[in-house]
Amino acid sequence: MMTSAEQTSSISSQSNLSIENCHVDGIKEQIKCGTLTVPENYQLPAGQQIDLHFTVLPAIDNSNNKIPLMFLAGGPGQAATELAAMLRNRFYEVRKTHDIILVDQRGTGQSSQLKCDDEAFTAQSVYESLTFDFEVSEVQDCIADFTQDLSQYNSENAIRDFDAVRGALGHDKINVYGGSYGTRAALIYMRMFPESLNSVVLDSVAPLDMRIGLFGQSGARSYELLLNNCQAEESCQKAFPNLDQDYQKVFAELVAKPVELSIPHPRLGTATKLIIDADKFVSTIQQQLYSLTGRSMMPLVINQAAQGNFMPFVGVLAQADEKQPRGSVYTNLLMNIACNEDFPLIAEQDWQADASNQFARNISHRGVRLVCPLWPKYRPEASFYEPVNSDIPTLILSGNLDPVTPPENGERADQMLANSRHIVAEHLSHIVAVNDCGVGLVAKFIDELDLEGLDASCLAELPAETFMTSLNGNT
């Protein structure tokens, strides 16, 4: 095995960098776009090569030449460059004085995307597939289409890629922000190339001991908080006094008989048949728990469905459909990583314990339990799962309402790191930096690296979540 320094030197000396000014959708001004050629297999540096695609959002004021921030996307399977327009605005406080580097993780976007012809494995309308509802033949046909060596599309090679881009751009050190799965990538980065990192932000932590697919209990916790917060707000409690009963009623009825509707397609306008079964209903509700906007609508959506009116639910589906494919997940990379780095470590009793809840039950298990036994295998070394010990300054952020990466994940990360601080936003959900206060903390931290003196009072001052109580939008 090469040491991290040897890995970096080998990569940099053999890589081919191309970078130019460019325009991308959603951004008026010029930014930088580039490709870096790296080995598909780092143990065979003269073998098959792949191109990594990246963009750089230049600092508004770069006179002080501050250390840039590399943004590690979530999923696994998000392409970071597809988030450029959103991050240009959302990370404005960071971008004032720091370049932001976005690299499509290998297997996503324009970085040797893992492609197959089967529509089930591509970004598609939520009307066609919201949940992982695959046929065995679809999985087998998709796998047969791949031309890449799937064993090389793993988390550790992604980090080798990211560090290769850092070196090729001439940066001795970078700051790293990781969100969701990006926090797992950041932790691996801290272990593999600590000398490359000035600071790290872990937002909505997915530690190495968390298993992708086991989201039943975390989803149920977030749902219970929704119920409790609705009951604590007078207007919501008055409008929906039996919200959980409403939810359980809809779930049972959809298990017994899915609802079939004929609706206009949101983009094409043509009549589209929509079948709403229990999986689609629950998965949609769980996805909406990720954001405060989604959460605010869920009591009304659930209550209306219990009365037989699924049109508010259809409206939620249409909104989700309009947001695709920007920031959507490339399913093939998601499966390649989850099936090899997570699935083999999940015992049957883990599946059963996670399914023991009254919200999503085992719905988050269905896709991986069907796909993973069929997926080509690679196995990380045992050391891959060991805790990361590091003294790199690390800010850890968690949203209390988060349905997938709850605060306890951040607490575990905080306990194993020597120079960290964990801040929990009581009234936020998944990804604290979607909030102005949260991103402001990120900017201040990477500028000053003062964990103890970082003033997070703005998070404590955020109001409790509020809810829509009528179809005209009143609360």
Protein backbone atom coordinates (compact mmCIF):
# COMPACT_ATOMS: atom_id res chain seq x y z
CA MET A 1 0.00 0.00 0.00
CA MET A 2 1.23 3.53 -0.80
CA THR A 3 1.31 6.13 1.93
CA SER A 4 -0.93 9.17 1.47
CA ALA A 5 2.05 11.31 0.44
CA GLU A 6 3.14 8.72 -2.12
CA GLN A 7 -0.41 8.54 -3.44
CA THR A 8 -0.58 12.30 -3.94
CA SER A 9 2.81 12.49 -5.63
CA SER A 10 1.99 9.63 -7.98
CA ILE A 11 -1.35 11.16 -8.92
CA SER A 12 -0.07 14.68 -9.50
CA SER A 13 2.87 13.68 -11.67
CA GLN A 14 0.74 11.60 -14.03
CA SER A 15 -2.46 13.65 -14.18
CA ASN A 16 -3.65 15.81 -17.04
CA LEU A 17 -5.36 19.05 -16.03
CA SER A 18 -7.54 21.15 -18.32
CA ILE A 19 -9.27 24.28 -17.01
CA GLU A 20 -11.04 27.21 -18.68
CA ASN A 21 -13.56 29.97 -18.11
CA CYS A 22 -17.14 28.79 -18.59
CA HIS A 23 -20.80 29.52 -18.03
CA VAL A 24 -23.21 27.08 -16.36
CA ASP A 25 -26.98 27.09 -16.03
CA GLY A 26 -28.23 29.38 -13.31
CA ILE A 27 -25.04 31.48 -13.00
CA LYS A 28 -24.67 34.67 -15.07
CA GLU A 29 -21.00 35.34 -14.42
CA GLN A 30 -18.07 33.26 -15.62
CA ILE A 31 -16.73 30.52 -13.40
CA LYS A 32 -13.99 27.94 -13.94
CA CYS A 33 -14.66 24.48 -15.41
CA GLY A 34 -12.11 21.75 -15.76
CA THR A 35 -11.22 18.11 -16.08
CA LEU A 36 -8.45 16.13 -14.47
CA THR A 37 -7.41 12.75 -15.86
CA VAL A 38 -6.66 10.14 -13.20
CA PRO A 39 -6.27 6.34 -13.15
CA GLU A 40 -9.48 4.37 -12.77
CA ASN A 41 -7.42 2.00 -10.61
CA TYR A 42 -4.81 3.84 -8.57
CA GLN A 43 -2.82 0.63 -8.18
CA LEU A 44 -2.45 0.58 -11.99
CA PRO A 45 -1.43 4.19 -12.73
CA ALA A 46 -0.66 3.44 -16.40
CA GLY A 47 -3.93 1.57 -16.93
CA GLN A 48 -7.43 2.79 -17.82
CA GLN A 49 -7.84 6.55 -17.25
CA ILE A 50 -10.97 8.52 -16.38
CA ASP A 51 -11.76 12.24 -16.52
CA LEU A 52 -12.93 13.99 -13.37
CA HIS A 53 -15.16 16.99 -13.98
CA PHE A 54 -14.97 19.95 -11.62
CA THR A 55 -15.98 23.59 -11.35
CA VAL A 56 -14.60 26.43 -9.26
CA LEU A 57 -16.81 29.25 -8.00
CA PRO A 58 -14.27 32.10 -7.67
CA ALA A 59 -14.23 34.19 -4.51
CA ILE A 60 -15.93 37.57 -4.86
CA ASP A 61 -12.86 39.14 -3.25
CA ASN A 62 -9.76 37.01 -3.64
CA SER A 63 -7.27 39.74 -2.69
CA ASN A 64 -6.31 37.89 0.49
CA ASN A 65 -5.85 34.56 -1.34
CA LYS A 66 -7.70 32.64 1.36
CA ILE A 67 -7.69 28.86 1.52
CA PRO A 68 -10.51 27.52 -0.72
CA LEU A 69 -13.42 25.34 0.36
CA MET A 70 -14.08 22.00 -1.33
CA PHE A 71 -17.73 20.95 -1.16
CA LEU A 72 -18.29 17.19 -0.83
CA ALA A 73 -21.79 16.28 -2.02
CA GLY A 74 -24.18 13.78 -0.46
CA GLY A 75 -25.99 10.68 -1.59
CA PRO A 76 -23.78 8.84 -2.19
CA GLY A 77 -24.41 9.72 -5.81
CA GLN A 78 -24.88 13.48 -6.02
CA ALA A 79 -22.79 15.29 -8.63
CA ALA A 80 -21.35 18.34 -6.89
CA THR A 81 -21.12 20.49 -10.04
CA GLU A 82 -24.88 20.20 -10.55
CA LEU A 83 -25.27 22.11 -7.28
CA ALA A 84 -23.17 25.07 -8.48
CA ALA A 85 -26.04 27.52 -9.01
CA MET A 86 -27.57 26.70 -5.64
CA LEU A 87 -24.25 26.98 -3.82
CA ARG A 88 -23.39 30.26 -5.55
CA ASN A 89 -26.29 31.78 -3.61
CA ARG A 90 -26.55 29.58 -0.54
CA PHE A 91 -22.82 29.73 0.28
CA TYR A 92 -22.53 33.45 -0.48
CA GLU A 93 -20.96 34.18 2.91
CA VAL A 94 -18.25 31.60 2.21
CA ARG A 95 -17.76 32.75 -1.38
CA LYS A 96 -17.10 36.35 -0.31
CA THR A 97 -13.44 35.47 0.29
CA HIS A 98 -13.03 31.78 -0.58
CA ASP A 99 -13.07 29.89 -3.87
CA ILE A 100 -15.48 26.95 -3.75
CA ILE A 101 -14.33 23.78 -5.51
CA LEU A 102 -16.96 21.30 -6.75
CA VAL A 103 -15.90 17.88 -8.06
CA ASP A 104 -18.29 15.32 -9.55
CA GLN A 105 -17.55 12.14 -7.62
CA ARG A 106 -16.42 9.34 -9.95
CA GLY A 107 -19.54 7.56 -11.21
CA THR A 108 -21.70 10.72 -11.21
CA GLY A 109 -22.36 13.67 -13.49
CA GLN A 110 -19.55 14.09 -15.98
CA SER A 111 -16.98 12.03 -14.06
CA SER A 112 -17.16 8.62 -15.75
CA GLN A 113 -20.85 8.34 -14.90
CA LEU A 114 -22.03 4.79 -14.25
CA LYS A 115 -24.65 4.42 -16.96
CA CYS A 116 -27.07 1.75 -18.01
CA ASP A 117 -29.94 1.88 -20.46
CA ASP A 118 -32.63 0.79 -18.01
CA GLU A 119 -34.83 3.74 -17.05
CA ALA A 120 -35.25 2.41 -13.52
CA PHE A 121 -31.62 3.36 -12.82
CA THR A 122 -31.66 6.88 -14.25
CA ALA A 123 -33.04 10.16 -12.93
CA GLN A 124 -36.71 10.00 -13.78
CA SER A 125 -40.13 11.33 -12.91
CA VAL A 126 -41.35 10.62 -9.43
CA TYR A 127 -44.59 9.52 -11.10
CA GLU A 128 -42.68 6.60 -12.58
CA SER A 129 -40.49 5.66 -9.66
CA LEU A 130 -40.30 7.35 -6.28
CA THR A 131 -39.20 4.35 -4.29
CA PHE A 132 -36.59 1.76 -5.18
CA ASP A 133 -39.02 -0.64 -6.82
CA PHE A 134 -36.82 -2.72 -9.14
CA GLU A 135 -37.29 -6.01 -10.92
CA VAL A 136 -34.49 -8.58 -10.80
CA SER A 137 -34.23 -8.51 -14.60
CA GLU A 138 -33.81 -4.71 -14.55
CA VAL A 139 -30.91 -5.01 -12.13
CA GLN A 140 -29.22 -7.74 -14.16
CA ASP A 141 -29.67 -5.84 -17.44
CA CYS A 142 -28.26 -2.67 -15.91
CA ILE A 143 -25.18 -4.41 -14.52
CA ALA A 144 -24.52 -5.95 -17.94
CA ASP A 145 -24.36 -2.45 -19.49
CA PHE A 146 -21.46 -1.17 -17.38
CA THR A 147 -18.08 -0.75 -19.05
CA GLN A 148 -16.25 0.44 -15.93
CA ASP A 149 -14.52 -1.63 -13.24
CA LEU A 150 -17.14 -1.16 -10.52
CA SER A 151 -14.71 -2.16 -7.77
CA GLN A 152 -12.86 1.13 -8.37
CA TYR A 153 -15.95 3.31 -7.82
CA ASN A 154 -15.65 3.35 -4.05
CA SER A 155 -15.39 5.97 -1.31
CA GLU A 156 -11.62 5.78 -0.86
CA ASN A 157 -10.91 6.29 -4.56
CA ALA A 158 -13.28 9.25 -4.50
CA ILE A 159 -11.06 10.80 -1.84
CA ARG A 160 -7.95 10.10 -3.92
CA ASP A 161 -9.70 11.92 -6.76
CA PHE A 162 -10.63 14.92 -4.61
CA ASP A 163 -7.09 15.24 -3.31
CA ALA A 164 -5.73 14.92 -6.83
CA VAL A 165 -7.87 17.90 -7.88
CA ARG A 166 -6.62 19.85 -4.86
CA GLY A 167 -3.01 19.18 -5.81
CA ALA A 168 -3.53 19.86 -9.51
CA LEU A 169 -5.06 23.26 -8.70
CA GLY A 170 -1.96 24.11 -6.70
CA HIS A 171 -3.47 24.26 -3.20
CA ASP A 172 -1.30 23.06 -0.33
CA LYS A 173 -4.37 22.89 1.89
CA ILE A 174 -8.12 23.20 1.54
CA ASN A 175 -11.09 23.55 3.84
CA VAL A 176 -13.65 20.79 3.37
CA TYR A 177 -17.42 20.93 3.83
CA GLY A 178 -19.31 17.64 3.72
CA GLY A 179 -23.08 17.27 3.91
CA SER A 180 -24.81 13.94 4.66
CA TYR A 181 -22.80 11.21 2.84
CA GLY A 182 -20.30 14.00 2.18
CA THR A 183 -19.49 13.89 5.91
CA ARG A 184 -18.46 10.25 5.56
CA ALA A 185 -16.28 11.25 2.63
CA ALA A 186 -14.80 14.08 4.72
CA LEU A 187 -13.99 11.71 7.58
CA ILE A 188 -12.22 9.36 5.15
CA TYR A 189 -10.35 12.38 3.73
CA MET A 190 -9.21 13.26 7.26
CA ARG A 191 -7.75 9.78 7.66
CA MET A 192 -6.17 9.42 4.20
CA PHE A 193 -4.76 12.91 3.58
CA PRO A 194 -4.72 14.86 6.87
CA GLU A 195 -1.86 17.06 5.68
CA SER A 196 -4.14 18.44 2.92
CA LEU A 197 -6.82 19.77 5.26
CA ASN A 198 -6.97 23.13 7.02
CA SER A 199 -10.40 22.58 8.55
CA VAL A 200 -13.49 20.37 8.16
CA VAL A 201 -17.23 20.97 8.50
CA LEU A 202 -19.44 17.91 9.00
CA ASP A 203 -23.09 18.83 8.40
CA SER A 204 -25.70 16.12 9.11
CA VAL A 205 -23.27 13.35 9.92
CA ALA A 206 -23.21 9.92 8.26
CA PRO A 207 -20.37 8.26 10.18
CA LEU A 208 -18.61 5.10 9.07
CA ASP A 209 -20.63 3.01 11.53
CA MET A 210 -23.97 4.18 10.06
CA ARG A 211 -25.50 1.82 7.50
CA ILE A 212 -27.16 3.18 4.36
CA GLY A 213 -30.64 1.65 4.18
CA LEU A 214 -31.30 1.49 7.91
CA PHE A 215 -33.39 4.64 8.09
CA GLY A 216 -36.54 3.25 9.71
CA GLN A 217 -35.81 4.36 13.25
CA SER A 218 -34.39 7.77 12.35
CA GLY A 219 -37.39 8.43 10.10
CA ALA A 220 -39.79 7.39 12.86
CA ARG A 221 -38.03 9.74 15.30
CA SER A 222 -38.44 12.66 12.89
CA TYR A 223 -42.09 11.76 12.31
CA GLU A 224 -42.73 11.65 16.07
CA LEU A 225 -41.23 15.13 16.37
CA LEU A 226 -43.59 16.28 13.63
CA LEU A 227 -46.56 14.90 15.56
CA ASN A 228 -45.37 16.45 18.82
CA ASN A 229 -44.67 19.83 17.27
CA CYS A 230 -48.06 19.87 15.57
CA GLN A 231 -49.75 19.14 18.86
CA ALA A 232 -47.72 21.89 20.54
CA GLU A 233 -48.92 24.49 18.03
CA GLU A 234 -52.49 25.52 18.78
CA SER A 235 -53.70 25.94 15.18
CA CYS A 236 -52.19 22.63 14.03
CA GLN A 237 -53.55 20.74 17.03
CA LYS A 238 -56.99 22.21 16.45
CA ALA A 239 -56.99 21.41 12.71
CA PHE A 240 -55.49 17.92 13.04
CA PRO A 241 -56.24 16.54 16.52
CA ASN A 242 -55.78 12.92 15.38
CA LEU A 243 -52.90 13.23 12.96
CA ASP A 244 -51.24 9.90 13.67
CA GLN A 245 -54.60 8.13 13.38
CA ASP A 246 -55.06 9.82 10.02
CA TYR A 247 -51.64 8.59 8.90
CA GLN A 248 -52.19 5.01 10.06
CA LYS A 249 -55.60 4.97 8.37
CA VAL A 250 -54.15 6.03 5.01
CA PHE A 251 -51.29 3.56 5.33
CA ALA A 252 -53.61 0.62 6.07
CA GLU A 253 -55.99 1.54 3.26
CA LEU A 254 -53.17 1.85 0.71
CA VAL A 255 -51.70 -1.49 1.79
CA ALA A 256 -55.10 -3.05 1.18
CA LYS A 257 -55.79 -1.23 -2.10
CA PRO A 258 -53.61 1.39 -3.84
CA VAL A 259 -55.33 4.50 -5.18
CA GLU A 260 -55.34 5.05 -8.94
CA LEU A 261 -55.72 8.59 -10.31
CA SER A 262 -55.69 10.16 -13.76
CA ILE A 263 -53.92 13.51 -13.63
CA PRO A 264 -52.22 15.92 -16.06
CA HIS A 265 -48.48 15.40 -16.33
CA PRO A 266 -46.80 18.41 -14.62
CA ARG A 267 -44.57 19.22 -17.62
CA LEU A 268 -46.25 17.65 -20.65
CA GLY A 269 -49.89 18.27 -19.74
CA THR A 270 -50.96 14.87 -21.05
CA ALA A 271 -53.16 12.56 -18.99
CA THR A 272 -50.99 10.41 -16.74
CA LYS A 273 -52.04 7.44 -14.66
CA LEU A 274 -50.73 7.71 -11.11
CA ILE A 275 -50.88 4.78 -8.73
CA ILE A 276 -50.35 5.69 -5.09
CA ASP A 277 -49.48 2.70 -2.96
CA ALA A 278 -48.29 2.58 0.64
CA ASP A 279 -44.62 2.64 -0.37
CA LYS A 280 -45.03 5.74 -2.52
CA PHE A 281 -47.07 7.53 0.13
CA VAL A 282 -44.70 6.79 3.01
CA SER A 283 -41.52 7.42 1.01
CA THR A 284 -42.85 10.80 -0.07
CA ILE A 285 -43.75 11.76 3.49
CA GLN A 286 -40.30 10.70 4.72
CA GLN A 287 -38.55 12.68 1.96
CA GLN A 288 -40.55 15.78 2.89
CA LEU A 289 -39.32 15.50 6.48
CA TYR A 290 -35.86 16.55 5.22
CA SER A 291 -36.90 20.22 4.90
CA LEU A 292 -38.90 22.71 6.95
CA THR A 293 -40.98 23.60 3.89
CA GLY A 294 -41.88 19.96 3.33
CA ARG A 295 -42.61 19.37 6.99
CA SER A 296 -44.93 22.37 7.14
CA MET A 297 -47.26 20.79 4.56
CA MET A 298 -47.32 17.20 5.84
CA PRO A 299 -50.09 17.41 8.47
CA LEU A 300 -52.46 18.89 5.88
CA VAL A 301 -51.39 16.37 3.20
CA ILE A 302 -51.91 13.44 5.59
CA ASN A 303 -55.25 14.73 6.85
CA GLN A 304 -56.60 15.34 3.34
CA ALA A 305 -55.50 11.87 2.23
CA ALA A 306 -57.34 10.39 5.19
CA GLN A 307 -60.47 12.11 3.86
CA GLY A 308 -59.89 10.62 0.41
CA ASN A 309 -58.39 13.75 -1.18
CA PHE A 310 -54.96 12.88 -2.56
CA MET A 311 -54.56 16.01 -4.68
CA PRO A 312 -52.41 17.83 -2.07
CA PHE A 313 -50.19 14.74 -2.08
CA VAL A 314 -50.07 14.88 -5.89
CA GLY A 315 -49.02 18.52 -5.60
CA VAL A 316 -46.08 17.49 -3.43
CA LEU A 317 -45.09 14.91 -6.04
CA ALA A 318 -45.28 17.53 -8.79
CA GLN A 319 -43.03 19.92 -6.86
CA ALA A 320 -40.49 17.15 -6.33
CA ASP A 321 -40.65 16.28 -10.04
CA GLU A 322 -39.94 19.90 -11.03
CA LYS A 323 -36.76 19.86 -8.91
CA GLN A 324 -35.31 16.86 -10.73
CA PRO A 325 -32.72 16.23 -12.02
CA ARG A 326 -30.70 19.06 -10.42
CA GLY A 327 -29.07 17.62 -7.33
CA SER A 328 -30.68 14.26 -7.89
CA VAL A 329 -28.85 11.07 -6.98
CA TYR A 330 -27.15 8.87 -9.57
CA THR A 331 -28.65 5.58 -8.47
CA ASN A 332 -25.91 3.34 -9.85
CA LEU A 333 -23.17 4.88 -7.72
CA LEU A 334 -25.48 4.89 -4.72
CA MET A 335 -26.04 1.17 -5.14
CA ASN A 336 -22.40 0.41 -5.89
CA ILE A 337 -21.28 2.01 -2.62
CA ALA A 338 -24.21 0.97 -0.42
CA CYS A 339 -24.13 -2.64 -1.62
CA ASN A 340 -20.43 -3.02 -0.90
CA GLU A 341 -19.57 -0.67 1.94
CA ASP A 342 -22.80 -0.95 3.97
CA PHE A 343 -25.02 -3.90 3.05
CA PRO A 344 -22.57 -6.72 3.94
CA LEU A 345 -22.35 -5.45 7.53
CA ILE A 346 -26.11 -5.43 8.18
CA ALA A 347 -27.32 -8.52 10.05
CA GLU A 348 -30.89 -9.80 9.87
CA GLN A 349 -31.57 -8.63 13.42
CA ASP A 350 -30.48 -5.12 12.36
CA TRP A 351 -33.08 -5.09 9.59
CA GLN A 352 -35.76 -6.32 11.98
CA ALA A 353 -34.90 -3.80 14.69
CA ASP A 354 -34.92 -0.94 12.20
CA ALA A 355 -38.31 -2.03 10.78
CA SER A 356 -39.85 -2.09 14.26
CA ASN A 357 -41.56 1.30 14.00
CA GLN A 358 -44.98 2.69 13.16
CA PHE A 359 -43.90 5.12 10.47
CA ALA A 360 -42.01 3.78 7.43
CA ARG A 361 -41.66 0.22 8.74
CA ASN A 362 -39.21 -1.52 6.35
CA ILE A 363 -39.76 0.61 3.24
CA SER A 364 -36.22 2.03 3.21
CA HIS A 365 -34.91 -1.57 3.10
CA ARG A 366 -36.69 -2.75 -0.04
CA GLY A 367 -34.36 -1.46 -2.73
CA VAL A 368 -31.03 -2.43 -1.24
CA ARG A 369 -32.28 -5.84 -0.10
CA LEU A 370 -33.36 -6.62 -3.66
CA VAL A 371 -30.48 -5.05 -5.56
CA CYS A 372 -27.46 -5.76 -3.35
CA PRO A 373 -27.42 -9.58 -3.57
CA LEU A 374 -27.22 -9.16 -7.38
CA TRP A 375 -24.67 -6.34 -7.50
CA PRO A 376 -20.96 -6.99 -8.33
CA LYS A 377 -18.86 -7.24 -5.20
CA TYR A 378 -15.84 -5.45 -3.83
CA ARG A 379 -14.83 -5.41 -0.18
CA PRO A 380 -13.13 -2.55 1.68
CA GLU A 381 -10.34 -3.40 4.09
CA ALA A 382 -11.41 -3.84 7.73
CA SER A 383 -9.54 -0.62 8.56
CA PHE A 384 -12.04 1.30 6.41
CA TYR A 385 -14.60 1.08 9.23
CA GLU A 386 -12.30 2.05 12.09
CA PRO A 387 -13.00 5.33 13.91
CA VAL A 388 -11.22 8.39 12.53
CA ASN A 389 -8.83 9.97 15.01
CA SER A 390 -7.85 13.50 14.05
CA ASP A 391 -6.95 16.86 15.56
CA ILE A 392 -7.94 18.84 12.44
CA PRO A 393 -10.31 21.66 13.53
CA THR A 394 -13.79 20.27 12.86
CA LEU A 395 -17.20 21.90 13.16
CA ILE A 396 -20.05 19.39 13.45
CA LEU A 397 -23.63 20.48 12.72
CA SER A 398 -26.84 18.52 13.27
CA GLY A 399 -30.52 19.33 12.80
CA ASN A 400 -32.70 17.94 15.57
CA LEU A 401 -35.58 17.22 13.16
CA ASP A 402 -33.41 15.26 10.70
CA PRO A 403 -35.06 12.00 9.46
CA VAL A 404 -31.86 10.33 8.20
CA THR A 405 -28.79 11.66 10.08
CA PRO A 406 -30.01 12.41 13.63
CA PRO A 407 -27.96 14.36 16.19
CA GLU A 408 -26.69 11.17 17.84
CA ASN A 409 -24.57 10.61 14.72
CA GLY A 410 -22.89 13.97 15.23
CA GLU A 411 -22.35 13.17 18.88
CA ARG A 412 -20.48 9.98 17.97
CA ALA A 413 -18.26 11.90 15.56
CA ASP A 414 -17.60 14.56 18.20
CA GLN A 415 -16.50 11.95 20.71
CA MET A 416 -13.88 10.43 18.43
CA LEU A 417 -12.34 13.70 17.18
CA ALA A 418 -9.82 15.57 19.31
CA ASN A 419 -10.49 19.11 18.09
CA SER A 420 -14.20 19.41 17.35
CA ARG A 421 -17.41 21.05 18.48
CA HIS A 422 -20.91 19.67 17.91
CA ILE A 423 -23.77 22.15 17.53
CA VAL A 424 -27.39 20.94 17.32
CA ALA A 425 -29.99 23.19 15.68
CA GLU A 426 -33.15 22.40 17.62
CA HIS A 427 -35.59 23.61 14.96
CA LEU A 428 -33.81 22.57 11.74
CA SER A 429 -33.82 19.33 9.78
CA HIS A 430 -31.37 17.81 7.28
CA ILE A 431 -28.38 20.04 6.36
CA VAL A 432 -28.03 22.95 8.76
CA ALA A 433 -26.23 25.09 6.15
CA VAL A 434 -29.43 25.52 4.13
CA ASN A 435 -30.22 28.11 6.82
CA ASP A 436 -28.61 31.57 6.73
CA CYS A 437 -27.39 31.21 10.30
CA GLY A 438 -25.91 27.78 9.57
CA VAL A 439 -23.94 28.88 6.52
CA GLY A 440 -22.80 31.96 8.41
CA LEU A 441 -21.29 29.69 11.06
CA VAL A 442 -19.49 27.73 8.35
CA ALA A 443 -18.01 30.93 6.90
CA LYS A 444 -16.92 32.30 10.27
CA PHE A 445 -15.41 28.98 11.34
CA ILE A 446 -13.22 28.48 8.28
CA ASP A 447 -12.05 32.09 8.56
CA GLU A 448 -11.14 32.04 12.25
CA LEU A 449 -10.86 28.32 13.23
CA ASP A 450 -12.11 29.28 16.68
CA LEU A 451 -14.42 26.48 17.77
CA GLU A 452 -14.77 27.61 21.36
CA GLY A 453 -15.47 31.24 20.50
CA LEU A 454 -17.90 30.50 17.63
CA ASP A 455 -21.21 32.18 18.50
CA ALA A 456 -24.04 29.84 17.53
CA SER A 457 -26.79 31.74 19.34
CA CYS A 458 -28.56 32.49 16.05
CA LEU A 459 -29.45 28.79 15.77
CA ALA A 460 -30.98 28.77 19.24
CA GLU A 461 -33.07 31.81 18.31
CA LEU A 462 -34.72 30.14 15.31
CA PRO A 463 -38.48 29.66 15.80
CA ALA A 464 -40.22 26.32 16.13
CA GLU A 465 -41.62 24.84 12.93
CA THR A 466 -45.06 26.00 11.78
CA PHE A 467 -47.67 24.18 9.72
CA MET A 468 -50.23 24.81 6.98
CA THR A 469 -53.71 24.07 8.23
CA SER A 470 -55.86 24.75 5.17
CA LEU A 471 -55.68 24.37 1.41
CA ASN A 472 -55.48 28.13 0.92
CA GLY A 473 -52.14 28.13 2.72
CA ASN A 474 -53.20 29.65 6.06
CA THR A 475 -51.43 28.58 9.22
